[in-house]
Amino acid sequence: LTPERRTRTRPDGSVLTWQAAGLDGALAAPWLPFFMQWDRPDDFPGSTPVDHPLGRCSLAWIELSTPDPARVARFTDRRDLPLRIVAGEPGIHAIGIATSSGERVLRP
């Protein structure tokens, strides 16, 4: 995978910059992962403090099926990713969100 440079301007005028890899593959086969690395980690939009009715939330796991588990494993081996491979139609089946009041499951 070859990283490509990406940018976007926030409504306040500040510019975010990062590198991304695997986007073309993920667009063609949505069960494939893609990767992003922020040039300034403090700029990561997901780290912006917000008030949420469920309190603090974080990704617990992602459940997906793929016609090519070995291909997904090449991207995810040796990484501590909360990925669950299951049988079924290729794609994301569910996402687990850890909250202060317990785990919530999102399904498409």
PDB file of N, CA and C in Angstrom:
ATOM      1  N   LEU A   1       0.844  -1.193   0.000  1.00  0.00           N
ATOM      2  CA  LEU A   1       0.000   0.000   0.000  1.00  0.00           C
ATOM      3  C   LEU A   1       0.876   1.238   0.000  1.00  0.00           C
ATOM      4  N   THR A   2       0.562   2.157  -0.867  1.00  0.00           N
ATOM      5  CA  THR A   2       1.309   3.405  -0.941  1.00  0.00           C
ATOM      6  C   THR A   2       0.500   4.508  -0.279  1.00  0.00           C
ATOM      7  N   PRO A   3       1.055   5.139   0.763  1.00  0.00           N
ATOM      8  CA  PRO A   3       0.316   6.232   1.420  1.00  0.00           C
ATOM      9  C   PRO A   3       0.145   7.430   0.496  1.00  0.00           C
ATOM     10  N   GLU A   4      -0.984   8.095   0.635  1.00  0.00           N
ATOM     11  CA  GLU A   4      -1.221   9.334  -0.111  1.00  0.00           C
ATOM     12  C   GLU A   4      -1.515  10.447   0.891  1.00  0.00           C
ATOM     13  N   ARG A   5      -1.091  11.644   0.570  1.00  0.00           N
ATOM     14  CA  ARG A   5      -1.295  12.800   1.434  1.00  0.00           C
ATOM     15  C   ARG A   5      -2.728  13.285   1.278  1.00  0.00           C
ATOM     16  N   ARG A   6      -3.349  13.666   2.395  1.00  0.00           N
ATOM     17  CA  ARG A   6      -4.729  14.160   2.387  1.00  0.00           C
ATOM     18  C   ARG A   6      -4.792  15.410   3.269  1.00  0.00           C
ATOM     19  N   THR A   7      -5.743  16.298   2.956  1.00  0.00           N
ATOM     20  CA  THR A   7      -5.967  17.497   3.781  1.00  0.00           C
ATOM     21  C   THR A   7      -7.448  17.845   3.771  1.00  0.00           C
ATOM     22  N   ARG A   8      -7.859  18.566   4.794  1.00  0.00           N
ATOM     23  CA  ARG A   8      -9.188  19.176   4.789  1.00  0.00           C
ATOM     24  C   ARG A   8      -9.142  20.370   5.731  1.00  0.00           C
ATOM     25  N   THR A   9      -9.992  21.339   5.450  1.00  0.00           N
ATOM     26  CA  THR A   9     -10.066  22.545   6.254  1.00  0.00           C
ATOM     27  C   THR A   9     -11.289  22.471   7.147  1.00  0.00           C
ATOM     28  N   ARG A  10     -11.081  22.680   8.432  1.00  0.00           N
ATOM     29  CA  ARG A  10     -12.188  22.706   9.391  1.00  0.00           C
ATOM     30  C   ARG A  10     -12.977  24.000   9.225  1.00  0.00           C
ATOM     31  N   PRO A  11     -14.211  24.026   9.746  1.00  0.00           N
ATOM     32  CA  PRO A  11     -15.006  25.265   9.663  1.00  0.00           C
ATOM     33  C   PRO A  11     -14.312  26.471  10.294  1.00  0.00           C
ATOM     34  N   ASP A  12     -13.430  26.222  11.293  1.00  0.00           N
ATOM     35  CA  ASP A  12     -12.728  27.346  11.927  1.00  0.00           C
ATOM     36  C   ASP A  12     -11.525  27.818  11.123  1.00  0.00           C
ATOM     37  N   GLY A  13     -11.253  27.171   9.969  1.00  0.00           N
ATOM     38  CA  GLY A  13     -10.160  27.590   9.106  1.00  0.00           C
ATOM     39  C   GLY A  13      -8.872  26.812   9.310  1.00  0.00           C
ATOM     40  N   SER A  14      -8.752  26.032  10.389  1.00  0.00           N
ATOM     41  CA  SER A  14      -7.538  25.251  10.595  1.00  0.00           C
ATOM     42  C   SER A  14      -7.504  24.090   9.601  1.00  0.00           C
ATOM     43  N   VAL A  15      -6.300  23.725   9.194  1.00  0.00           N
ATOM     44  CA  VAL A  15      -6.118  22.691   8.183  1.00  0.00           C
ATOM     45  C   VAL A  15      -5.627  21.410   8.851  1.00  0.00           C
ATOM     46  N   LEU A  16      -6.303  20.302   8.550  1.00  0.00           N
ATOM     47  CA  LEU A  16      -5.898  18.988   9.032  1.00  0.00           C
ATOM     48  C   LEU A  16      -5.133  18.285   7.921  1.00  0.00           C
ATOM     49  N   THR A  17      -4.041  17.601   8.274  1.00  0.00           N
ATOM     50  CA  THR A  17      -3.267  16.862   7.287  1.00  0.00           C
ATOM     51  C   THR A  17      -2.993  15.459   7.815  1.00  0.00           C
ATOM     52  N   TRP A  18      -3.009  14.499   6.890  1.00  0.00           N
ATOM     53  CA  TRP A  18      -2.755  13.117   7.260  1.00  0.00           C
ATOM     54  C   TRP A  18      -2.327  12.333   6.039  1.00  0.00           C
ATOM     55  N   GLN A  19      -1.935  11.087   6.274  1.00  0.00           N
ATOM     56  CA  GLN A  19      -1.642  10.154   5.205  1.00  0.00           C
ATOM     57  C   GLN A  19      -2.654   9.015   5.282  1.00  0.00           C
ATOM     58  N   ALA A  20      -3.064   8.515   4.134  1.00  0.00           N
ATOM     59  CA  ALA A  20      -4.018   7.410   4.083  1.00  0.00           C
ATOM     60  C   ALA A  20      -3.484   6.348   3.121  1.00  0.00           C
ATOM     61  N   ALA A  21      -3.807   5.108   3.416  1.00  0.00           N
ATOM     62  CA  ALA A  21      -3.422   3.995   2.541  1.00  0.00           C
ATOM     63  C   ALA A  21      -4.563   2.990   2.499  1.00  0.00           C
ATOM     64  N   GLY A  22      -4.783   2.421   1.328  1.00  0.00           N
ATOM     65  CA  GLY A  22      -5.794   1.387   1.178  1.00  0.00           C
ATOM     66  C   GLY A  22      -7.185   1.882   0.863  1.00  0.00           C
ATOM     67  N   LEU A  23      -7.350   3.168   0.602  1.00  0.00           N
ATOM     68  CA  LEU A  23      -8.689   3.710   0.341  1.00  0.00           C
ATOM     69  C   LEU A  23      -9.307   3.136  -0.928  1.00  0.00           C
ATOM     70  N   ASP A  24      -8.525   3.019  -1.999  1.00  0.00           N
ATOM     71  CA  ASP A  24      -9.079   2.483  -3.253  1.00  0.00           C
ATOM     72  C   ASP A  24      -9.582   1.057  -3.062  1.00  0.00           C
ATOM     73  N   GLY A  25      -8.813   0.245  -2.349  1.00  0.00           N
ATOM     74  CA  GLY A  25      -9.227  -1.132  -2.100  1.00  0.00           C
ATOM     75  C   GLY A  25     -10.490  -1.198  -1.267  1.00  0.00           C
ATOM     76  N   ALA A  26     -10.586  -0.351  -0.231  1.00  0.00           N
ATOM     77  CA  ALA A  26     -11.765  -0.340   0.645  1.00  0.00           C
ATOM     78  C   ALA A  26     -13.006   0.171  -0.091  1.00  0.00           C
ATOM     79  N   LEU A  27     -12.829   1.065  -1.046  1.00  0.00           N
ATOM     80  CA  LEU A  27     -13.973   1.527  -1.838  1.00  0.00           C
ATOM     81  C   LEU A  27     -14.479   0.419  -2.762  1.00  0.00           C
ATOM     82  N   ALA A  28     -13.568  -0.381  -3.286  1.00  0.00           N
ATOM     83  CA  ALA A  28     -13.951  -1.463  -4.193  1.00  0.00           C
ATOM     84  C   ALA A  28     -14.500  -2.670  -3.431  1.00  0.00           C
ATOM     85  N   ALA A  29     -13.967  -2.930  -2.252  1.00  0.00           N
ATOM     86  CA  ALA A  29     -14.380  -4.076  -1.425  1.00  0.00           C
ATOM     87  C   ALA A  29     -14.488  -3.575   0.015  1.00  0.00           C
ATOM     88  N   PRO A  30     -15.665  -3.124   0.455  1.00  0.00           N
ATOM     89  CA  PRO A  30     -15.807  -2.457   1.753  1.00  0.00           C
ATOM     90  C   PRO A  30     -15.400  -3.285   2.978  1.00  0.00           C
ATOM     91  N   TRP A  31     -15.175  -4.550   2.829  1.00  0.00           N
ATOM     92  CA  TRP A  31     -14.708  -5.360   3.940  1.00  0.00           C
ATOM     93  C   TRP A  31     -13.201  -5.238   4.152  1.00  0.00           C
ATOM     94  N   LEU A  32     -12.477  -4.598   3.220  1.00  0.00           N
ATOM     95  CA  LEU A  32     -11.039  -4.389   3.380  1.00  0.00           C
ATOM     96  C   LEU A  32     -10.772  -3.186   4.268  1.00  0.00           C
ATOM     97  N   PRO A  33      -9.736  -3.255   5.088  1.00  0.00           N
ATOM     98  CA  PRO A  33      -9.403  -2.104   5.933  1.00  0.00           C
ATOM     99  C   PRO A  33      -8.680  -1.015   5.135  1.00  0.00           C
ATOM    100  N   PHE A  34      -8.718   0.189   5.661  1.00  0.00           N
ATOM    101  CA  PHE A  34      -7.861   1.252   5.167  1.00  0.00           C
ATOM    102  C   PHE A  34      -7.216   1.884   6.392  1.00  0.00           C
ATOM    103  N   PHE A  35      -6.161   2.644   6.185  1.00  0.00           N
ATOM    104  CA  PHE A  35      -5.376   3.160   7.298  1.00  0.00           C
ATOM    105  C   PHE A  35      -5.165   4.656   7.152  1.00  0.00           C
ATOM    106  N   MET A  36      -5.147   5.337   8.299  1.00  0.00           N
ATOM    107  CA  MET A  36      -4.898   6.778   8.331  1.00  0.00           C
ATOM    108  C   MET A  36      -3.892   7.070   9.433  1.00  0.00           C
ATOM    109  N   GLN A  37      -2.980   7.983   9.152  1.00  0.00           N
ATOM    110  CA  GLN A  37      -2.025   8.449  10.158  1.00  0.00           C
ATOM    111  C   GLN A  37      -2.023   9.962  10.121  1.00  0.00           C
ATOM    112  N   TRP A  38      -2.395  10.558  11.237  1.00  0.00           N
ATOM    113  CA  TRP A  38      -2.465  12.013  11.329  1.00  0.00           C
ATOM    114  C   TRP A  38      -1.064  12.583  11.470  1.00  0.00           C
ATOM    115  N   ASP A  39      -0.785  13.688  10.756  1.00  0.00           N
ATOM    116  CA  ASP A  39       0.525  14.328  10.857  1.00  0.00           C
ATOM    117  C   ASP A  39       0.741  14.916  12.250  1.00  0.00           C
ATOM    118  N   ARG A  40      -0.309  15.442  12.825  1.00  0.00           N
ATOM    119  CA  ARG A  40      -0.273  15.956  14.205  1.00  0.00           C
ATOM    120  C   ARG A  40      -1.372  15.218  14.971  1.00  0.00           C
ATOM    121  N   PRO A  41      -1.010  14.176  15.744  1.00  0.00           N
ATOM    122  CA  PRO A  41      -2.035  13.355  16.408  1.00  0.00           C
ATOM    123  C   PRO A  41      -3.041  14.149  17.237  1.00  0.00           C
ATOM    124  N   ASP A  42      -2.642  15.288  17.774  1.00  0.00           N
ATOM    125  CA  ASP A  42      -3.591  16.098  18.555  1.00  0.00           C
ATOM    126  C   ASP A  42      -4.698  16.687  17.692  1.00  0.00           C
ATOM    127  N   ASP A  43      -4.514  16.695  16.364  1.00  0.00           N
ATOM    128  CA  ASP A  43      -5.531  17.219  15.449  1.00  0.00           C
ATOM    129  C   ASP A  43      -6.604  16.190  15.093  1.00  0.00           C
ATOM    130  N   PHE A  44      -6.410  14.934  15.479  1.00  0.00           N
ATOM    131  CA  PHE A  44      -7.361  13.876  15.137  1.00  0.00           C
ATOM    132  C   PHE A  44      -8.753  14.273  15.613  1.00  0.00           C
ATOM    133  N   PRO A  45      -9.740  14.410  14.689  1.00  0.00           N
ATOM    134  CA  PRO A  45     -11.074  14.856  15.083  1.00  0.00           C
ATOM    135  C   PRO A  45     -11.730  13.977  16.148  1.00  0.00           C
ATOM    136  N   GLY A  46     -11.410  12.685  16.160  1.00  0.00           N
ATOM    137  CA  GLY A  46     -12.004  11.795  17.155  1.00  0.00           C
ATOM    138  C   GLY A  46     -11.496  12.023  18.566  1.00  0.00           C
ATOM    139  N   SER A  47     -10.431  12.800  18.735  1.00  0.00           N
ATOM    140  CA  SER A  47      -9.919  13.072  20.078  1.00  0.00           C
ATOM    141  C   SER A  47     -10.458  14.388  20.645  1.00  0.00           C
ATOM    142  N   THR A  48     -11.316  15.057  19.882  1.00  0.00           N
ATOM    143  CA  THR A  48     -11.913  16.302  20.354  1.00  0.00           C
ATOM    144  C   THR A  48     -12.884  16.010  21.493  1.00  0.00           C
ATOM    145  N   PRO A  49     -12.712  16.646  22.647  1.00  0.00           N
ATOM    146  CA  PRO A  49     -13.629  16.396  23.758  1.00  0.00           C
ATOM    147  C   PRO A  49     -15.059  16.840  23.411  1.00  0.00           C
ATOM    148  N   VAL A  50     -16.018  15.987  23.713  1.00  0.00           N
ATOM    149  CA  VAL A  50     -17.425  16.313  23.503  1.00  0.00           C
ATOM    150  C   VAL A  50     -18.229  15.766  24.676  1.00  0.00           C
ATOM    151  N   ASP A  51     -19.372  16.367  24.919  1.00  0.00           N
ATOM    152  CA  ASP A  51     -20.301  15.835  25.908  1.00  0.00           C
ATOM    153  C   ASP A  51     -21.268  14.923  25.170  1.00  0.00           C
ATOM    154  N   HIS A  52     -21.440  13.718  25.688  1.00  0.00           N
ATOM    155  CA  HIS A  52     -22.328  12.754  25.055  1.00  0.00           C
ATOM    156  C   HIS A  52     -23.236  12.159  26.127  1.00  0.00           C
ATOM    157  N   PRO A  53     -24.504  11.933  25.813  1.00  0.00           N
ATOM    158  CA  PRO A  53     -25.422  11.381  26.815  1.00  0.00           C
ATOM    159  C   PRO A  53     -24.962  10.042  27.399  1.00  0.00           C
ATOM    160  N   LEU A  54     -24.164   9.276  26.654  1.00  0.00           N
ATOM    161  CA  LEU A  54     -23.682   7.989  27.166  1.00  0.00           C
ATOM    162  C   LEU A  54     -22.363   8.108  27.912  1.00  0.00           C
ATOM    163  N   GLY A  55     -21.833   9.314  28.029  1.00  0.00           N
ATOM    164  CA  GLY A  55     -20.535   9.489  28.678  1.00  0.00           C
ATOM    165  C   GLY A  55     -19.419   9.177  27.703  1.00  0.00           C
ATOM    166  N   ARG A  56     -18.290   8.779  28.255  1.00  0.00           N
ATOM    167  CA  ARG A  56     -17.131   8.473  27.419  1.00  0.00           C
ATOM    168  C   ARG A  56     -17.385   7.190  26.635  1.00  0.00           C
ATOM    169  N   CYS A  57     -17.075   7.199  25.325  1.00  0.00           N
ATOM    170  CA  CYS A  57     -17.296   6.047  24.452  1.00  0.00           C
ATOM    171  C   CYS A  57     -16.000   5.710  23.720  1.00  0.00           C
ATOM    172  N   SER A  58     -15.854   4.428  23.374  1.00  0.00           N
ATOM    173  CA  SER A  58     -14.718   4.004  22.560  1.00  0.00           C
ATOM    174  C   SER A  58     -15.109   2.768  21.770  1.00  0.00           C
ATOM    175  N   LEU A  59     -14.356   2.499  20.733  1.00  0.00           N
ATOM    176  CA  LEU A  59     -14.597   1.320  19.908  1.00  0.00           C
ATOM    177  C   LEU A  59     -14.212   0.074  20.700  1.00  0.00           C
ATOM    178  N   ALA A  60     -15.133  -0.867  20.822  1.00  0.00           N
ATOM    179  CA  ALA A  60     -14.851  -2.134  21.499  1.00  0.00           C
ATOM    180  C   ALA A  60     -14.450  -3.207  20.491  1.00  0.00           C
ATOM    181  N   TRP A  61     -15.189  -3.295  19.371  1.00  0.00           N
ATOM    182  CA  TRP A  61     -14.901  -4.305  18.354  1.00  0.00           C
ATOM    183  C   TRP A  61     -15.663  -3.995  17.075  1.00  0.00           C
ATOM    184  N   ILE A  62     -15.214  -4.613  15.983  1.00  0.00           N
ATOM    185  CA  ILE A  62     -15.890  -4.555  14.688  1.00  0.00           C
ATOM    186  C   ILE A  62     -16.066  -5.992  14.213  1.00  0.00           C
ATOM    187  N   GLU A  63     -17.276  -6.310  13.785  1.00  0.00           N
ATOM    188  CA  GLU A  63     -17.578  -7.650  13.279  1.00  0.00           C
ATOM    189  C   GLU A  63     -17.821  -7.558  11.775  1.00  0.00           C
ATOM    190  N   LEU A  64     -17.071  -8.351  11.004  1.00  0.00           N
ATOM    191  CA  LEU A  64     -17.257  -8.309   9.560  1.00  0.00           C
ATOM    192  C   LEU A  64     -17.071  -9.685   8.956  1.00  0.00           C
ATOM    193  N   SER A  65     -17.581  -9.839   7.763  1.00  0.00           N
ATOM    194  CA  SER A  65     -17.342 -11.058   7.001  1.00  0.00           C
ATOM    195  C   SER A  65     -16.646 -10.674   5.710  1.00  0.00           C
ATOM    196  N   THR A  66     -15.886 -11.609   5.199  1.00  0.00           N
ATOM    197  CA  THR A  66     -15.077 -11.366   4.015  1.00  0.00           C
ATOM    198  C   THR A  66     -14.980 -12.629   3.188  1.00  0.00           C
ATOM    199  N   PRO A  67     -14.933 -12.498   1.867  1.00  0.00           N
ATOM    200  CA  PRO A  67     -14.710 -13.673   1.040  1.00  0.00           C
ATOM    201  C   PRO A  67     -13.238 -14.094   1.046  1.00  0.00           C
ATOM    202  N   ASP A  68     -12.372 -13.273   1.644  1.00  0.00           N
ATOM    203  CA  ASP A  68     -10.936 -13.547   1.620  1.00  0.00           C
ATOM    204  C   ASP A  68     -10.313 -13.244   2.983  1.00  0.00           C
ATOM    205  N   PRO A  69     -10.550 -14.097   4.003  1.00  0.00           N
ATOM    206  CA  PRO A  69      -9.998 -13.845   5.335  1.00  0.00           C
ATOM    207  C   PRO A  69      -8.473 -13.724   5.348  1.00  0.00           C
ATOM    208  N   ALA A  70      -7.791 -14.449   4.487  1.00  0.00           N
ATOM    209  CA  ALA A  70      -6.328 -14.373   4.453  1.00  0.00           C
ATOM    210  C   ALA A  70      -5.867 -12.971   4.042  1.00  0.00           C
ATOM    211  N   ARG A  71      -6.601 -12.357   3.128  1.00  0.00           N
ATOM    212  CA  ARG A  71      -6.237 -11.004   2.689  1.00  0.00           C
ATOM    213  C   ARG A  71      -6.415 -10.004   3.826  1.00  0.00           C
ATOM    214  N   VAL A  72      -7.490 -10.118   4.569  1.00  0.00           N
ATOM    215  CA  VAL A  72      -7.690  -9.240   5.731  1.00  0.00           C
ATOM    216  C   VAL A  72      -6.603  -9.498   6.770  1.00  0.00           C
ATOM    217  N   ALA A  73      -6.247 -10.762   6.981  1.00  0.00           N
ATOM    218  CA  ALA A  73      -5.220 -11.105   7.963  1.00  0.00           C
ATOM    219  C   ALA A  73      -3.875 -10.471   7.617  1.00  0.00           C
ATOM    220  N   ARG A  74      -3.562 -10.349   6.333  1.00  0.00           N
ATOM    221  CA  ARG A  74      -2.290  -9.710   5.944  1.00  0.00           C
ATOM    222  C   ARG A  74      -2.229  -8.262   6.419  1.00  0.00           C
ATOM    223  N   PHE A  75      -3.383  -7.585   6.458  1.00  0.00           N
ATOM    224  CA  PHE A  75      -3.412  -6.201   6.929  1.00  0.00           C
ATOM    225  C   PHE A  75      -3.442  -6.106   8.449  1.00  0.00           C
ATOM    226  N   THR A  76      -4.032  -7.088   9.083  1.00  0.00           N
ATOM    227  CA  THR A  76      -4.321  -6.956  10.517  1.00  0.00           C
ATOM    228  C   THR A  76      -3.422  -7.784  11.422  1.00  0.00           C
ATOM    229  N   ASP A  77      -2.683  -8.758  10.889  1.00  0.00           N
ATOM    230  CA  ASP A  77      -1.783  -9.555  11.724  1.00  0.00           C
ATOM    231  C   ASP A  77      -0.770  -8.651  12.411  1.00  0.00           C
ATOM    232  N   ARG A  78      -0.390  -9.029  13.599  1.00  0.00           N
ATOM    233  CA  ARG A  78       0.596  -8.312  14.414  1.00  0.00           C
ATOM    234  C   ARG A  78       0.107  -6.945  14.868  1.00  0.00           C
ATOM    235  N   ARG A  79      -1.169  -6.705  14.800  1.00  0.00           N
ATOM    236  CA  ARG A  79      -1.741  -5.455  15.295  1.00  0.00           C
ATOM    237  C   ARG A  79      -2.822  -5.817  16.306  1.00  0.00           C
ATOM    238  N   ASP A  80      -2.942  -5.017  17.311  1.00  0.00           N
ATOM    239  CA  ASP A  80      -3.948  -5.269  18.344  1.00  0.00           C
ATOM    240  C   ASP A  80      -5.262  -4.612  17.911  1.00  0.00           C
ATOM    241  N   LEU A  81      -5.987  -5.309  17.015  1.00  0.00           N
ATOM    242  CA  LEU A  81      -7.236  -4.775  16.487  1.00  0.00           C
ATOM    243  C   LEU A  81      -8.407  -5.604  17.001  1.00  0.00           C
ATOM    244  N   PRO A  82      -9.467  -4.949  17.421  1.00  0.00           N
ATOM    245  CA  PRO A  82     -10.637  -5.672  17.921  1.00  0.00           C
ATOM    246  C   PRO A  82     -11.552  -6.127  16.788  1.00  0.00           C
ATOM    247  N   LEU A  83     -11.001  -6.974  15.920  1.00  0.00           N
ATOM    248  CA  LEU A  83     -11.704  -7.391  14.719  1.00  0.00           C
ATOM    249  C   LEU A  83     -12.225  -8.813  14.885  1.00  0.00           C
ATOM    250  N   ARG A  84     -13.495  -9.013  14.567  1.00  0.00           N
ATOM    251  CA  ARG A  84     -14.123 -10.328  14.621  1.00  0.00           C
ATOM    252  C   ARG A  84     -14.551 -10.708  13.207  1.00  0.00           C
ATOM    253  N   ILE A  85     -13.986 -11.787  12.682  1.00  0.00           N
ATOM    254  CA  ILE A  85     -14.358 -12.277  11.359  1.00  0.00           C
ATOM    255  C   ILE A  85     -15.473 -13.311  11.548  1.00  0.00           C
ATOM    256  N   VAL A  86     -16.600 -13.117  10.850  1.00  0.00           N
ATOM    257  CA  VAL A  86     -17.757 -14.003  10.958  1.00  0.00           C
ATOM    258  C   VAL A  86     -18.215 -14.418   9.565  1.00  0.00           C
ATOM    259  N   ALA A  87     -19.038 -15.448   9.505  1.00  0.00           N
ATOM    260  CA  ALA A  87     -19.597 -15.905   8.230  1.00  0.00           C
ATOM    261  C   ALA A  87     -20.727 -14.977   7.812  1.00  0.00           C
ATOM    262  N   GLY A  88     -20.995 -14.924   6.516  1.00  0.00           N
ATOM    263  CA  GLY A  88     -22.117 -14.136   6.024  1.00  0.00           C
ATOM    264  C   GLY A  88     -21.749 -13.294   4.830  1.00  0.00           C
ATOM    265  N   GLU A  89     -22.679 -12.454   4.424  1.00  0.00           N
ATOM    266  CA  GLU A  89     -22.484 -11.528   3.309  1.00  0.00           C
ATOM    267  C   GLU A  89     -21.297 -10.610   3.610  1.00  0.00           C
ATOM    268  N   PRO A  90     -20.355 -10.420   2.676  1.00  0.00           N
ATOM    269  CA  PRO A  90     -19.199  -9.561   2.934  1.00  0.00           C
ATOM    270  C   PRO A  90     -19.608  -8.156   3.361  1.00  0.00           C
ATOM    271  N   GLY A  91     -18.939  -7.658   4.364  1.00  0.00           N
ATOM    272  CA  GLY A  91     -19.172  -6.308   4.862  1.00  0.00           C
ATOM    273  C   GLY A  91     -19.174  -6.264   6.370  1.00  0.00           C
ATOM    274  N   ILE A  92     -19.421  -5.091   6.908  1.00  0.00           N
ATOM    275  CA  ILE A  92     -19.496  -4.910   8.356  1.00  0.00           C
ATOM    276  C   ILE A  92     -20.873  -5.353   8.827  1.00  0.00           C
ATOM    277  N   HIS A  93     -20.905  -6.205   9.830  1.00  0.00           N
ATOM    278  CA  HIS A  93     -22.166  -6.716  10.374  1.00  0.00           C
ATOM    279  C   HIS A  93     -22.577  -5.984  11.648  1.00  0.00           C
ATOM    280  N   ALA A  94     -21.595  -5.591  12.462  1.00  0.00           N
ATOM    281  CA  ALA A  94     -21.912  -4.910  13.713  1.00  0.00           C
ATOM    282  C   ALA A  94     -20.661  -4.222  14.235  1.00  0.00           C
ATOM    283  N   ILE A  95     -20.893  -3.217  15.072  1.00  0.00           N
ATOM    284  CA  ILE A  95     -19.805  -2.495  15.741  1.00  0.00           C
ATOM    285  C   ILE A  95     -20.171  -2.398  17.212  1.00  0.00           C
ATOM    286  N   GLY A  96     -19.239  -2.768  18.074  1.00  0.00           N
ATOM    287  CA  GLY A  96     -19.448  -2.650  19.510  1.00  0.00           C
ATOM    288  C   GLY A  96     -18.828  -1.365  20.026  1.00  0.00           C
ATOM    289  N   ILE A  97     -19.602  -0.597  20.776  1.00  0.00           N
ATOM    290  CA  ILE A  97     -19.141   0.660  21.370  1.00  0.00           C
ATOM    291  C   ILE A  97     -19.147   0.493  22.888  1.00  0.00           C
ATOM    292  N   ALA A  98     -18.004   0.711  23.512  1.00  0.00           N
ATOM    293  CA  ALA A  98     -17.906   0.654  24.962  1.00  0.00           C
ATOM    294  C   ALA A  98     -18.309   2.007  25.538  1.00  0.00           C
ATOM    295  N   THR A  99     -19.275   1.996  26.466  1.00  0.00           N
ATOM    296  CA  THR A  99     -19.728   3.231  27.107  1.00  0.00           C
ATOM    297  C   THR A  99     -19.627   3.068  28.616  1.00  0.00           C
ATOM    298  N   SER A 100     -19.776   4.151  29.318  1.00  0.00           N
ATOM    299  CA  SER A 100     -19.732   4.085  30.782  1.00  0.00           C
ATOM    300  C   SER A 100     -20.899   3.287  31.350  1.00  0.00           C
ATOM    301  N   SER A 101     -21.969   3.114  30.572  1.00  0.00           N
ATOM    302  CA  SER A 101     -23.133   2.349  31.043  1.00  0.00           C
ATOM    303  C   SER A 101     -23.203   0.957  30.400  1.00  0.00           C
ATOM    304  N   GLY A 102     -22.116   0.493  29.789  1.00  0.00           N
ATOM    305  CA  GLY A 102     -22.100  -0.825  29.174  1.00  0.00           C
ATOM    306  C   GLY A 102     -21.870  -0.751  27.680  1.00  0.00           C
ATOM    307  N   GLU A 103     -21.781  -1.909  27.074  1.00  0.00           N
ATOM    308  CA  GLU A 103     -21.505  -1.974  25.647  1.00  0.00           C
ATOM    309  C   GLU A 103     -22.788  -1.782  24.833  1.00  0.00           C
ATOM    310  N   ARG A 104     -22.688  -1.010  23.769  1.00  0.00           N
ATOM    311  CA  ARG A 104     -23.790  -0.803  22.827  1.00  0.00           C
ATOM    312  C   ARG A 104     -23.385  -1.425  21.493  1.00  0.00           C
ATOM    313  N   VAL A 105     -24.331  -2.013  20.800  1.00  0.00           N
ATOM    314  CA  VAL A 105     -24.047  -2.643  19.508  1.00  0.00           C
ATOM    315  C   VAL A 105     -24.790  -1.881  18.421  1.00  0.00           C
ATOM    316  N   LEU A 106     -24.054  -1.500  17.390  1.00  0.00           N
ATOM    317  CA  LEU A 106     -24.614  -0.817  16.226  1.00  0.00           C
ATOM    318  C   LEU A 106     -24.618  -1.801  15.070  1.00  0.00           C
ATOM    319  N   ARG A 107     -25.752  -1.908  14.384  1.00  0.00           N
ATOM    320  CA  ARG A 107     -25.869  -2.782  13.216  1.00  0.00           C
ATOM    321  C   ARG A 107     -26.399  -1.950  12.047  1.00  0.00           C
ATOM    322  N   PRO A 108     -25.830  -2.187  10.839  1.00  0.00           N
ATOM    323  CA  PRO A 108     -26.318  -1.437   9.680  1.00  0.00           C
ATOM    324  C   PRO A 108     -27.755  -1.792   9.330  1.00  0.00           C
TER     325      PRO A 108
END
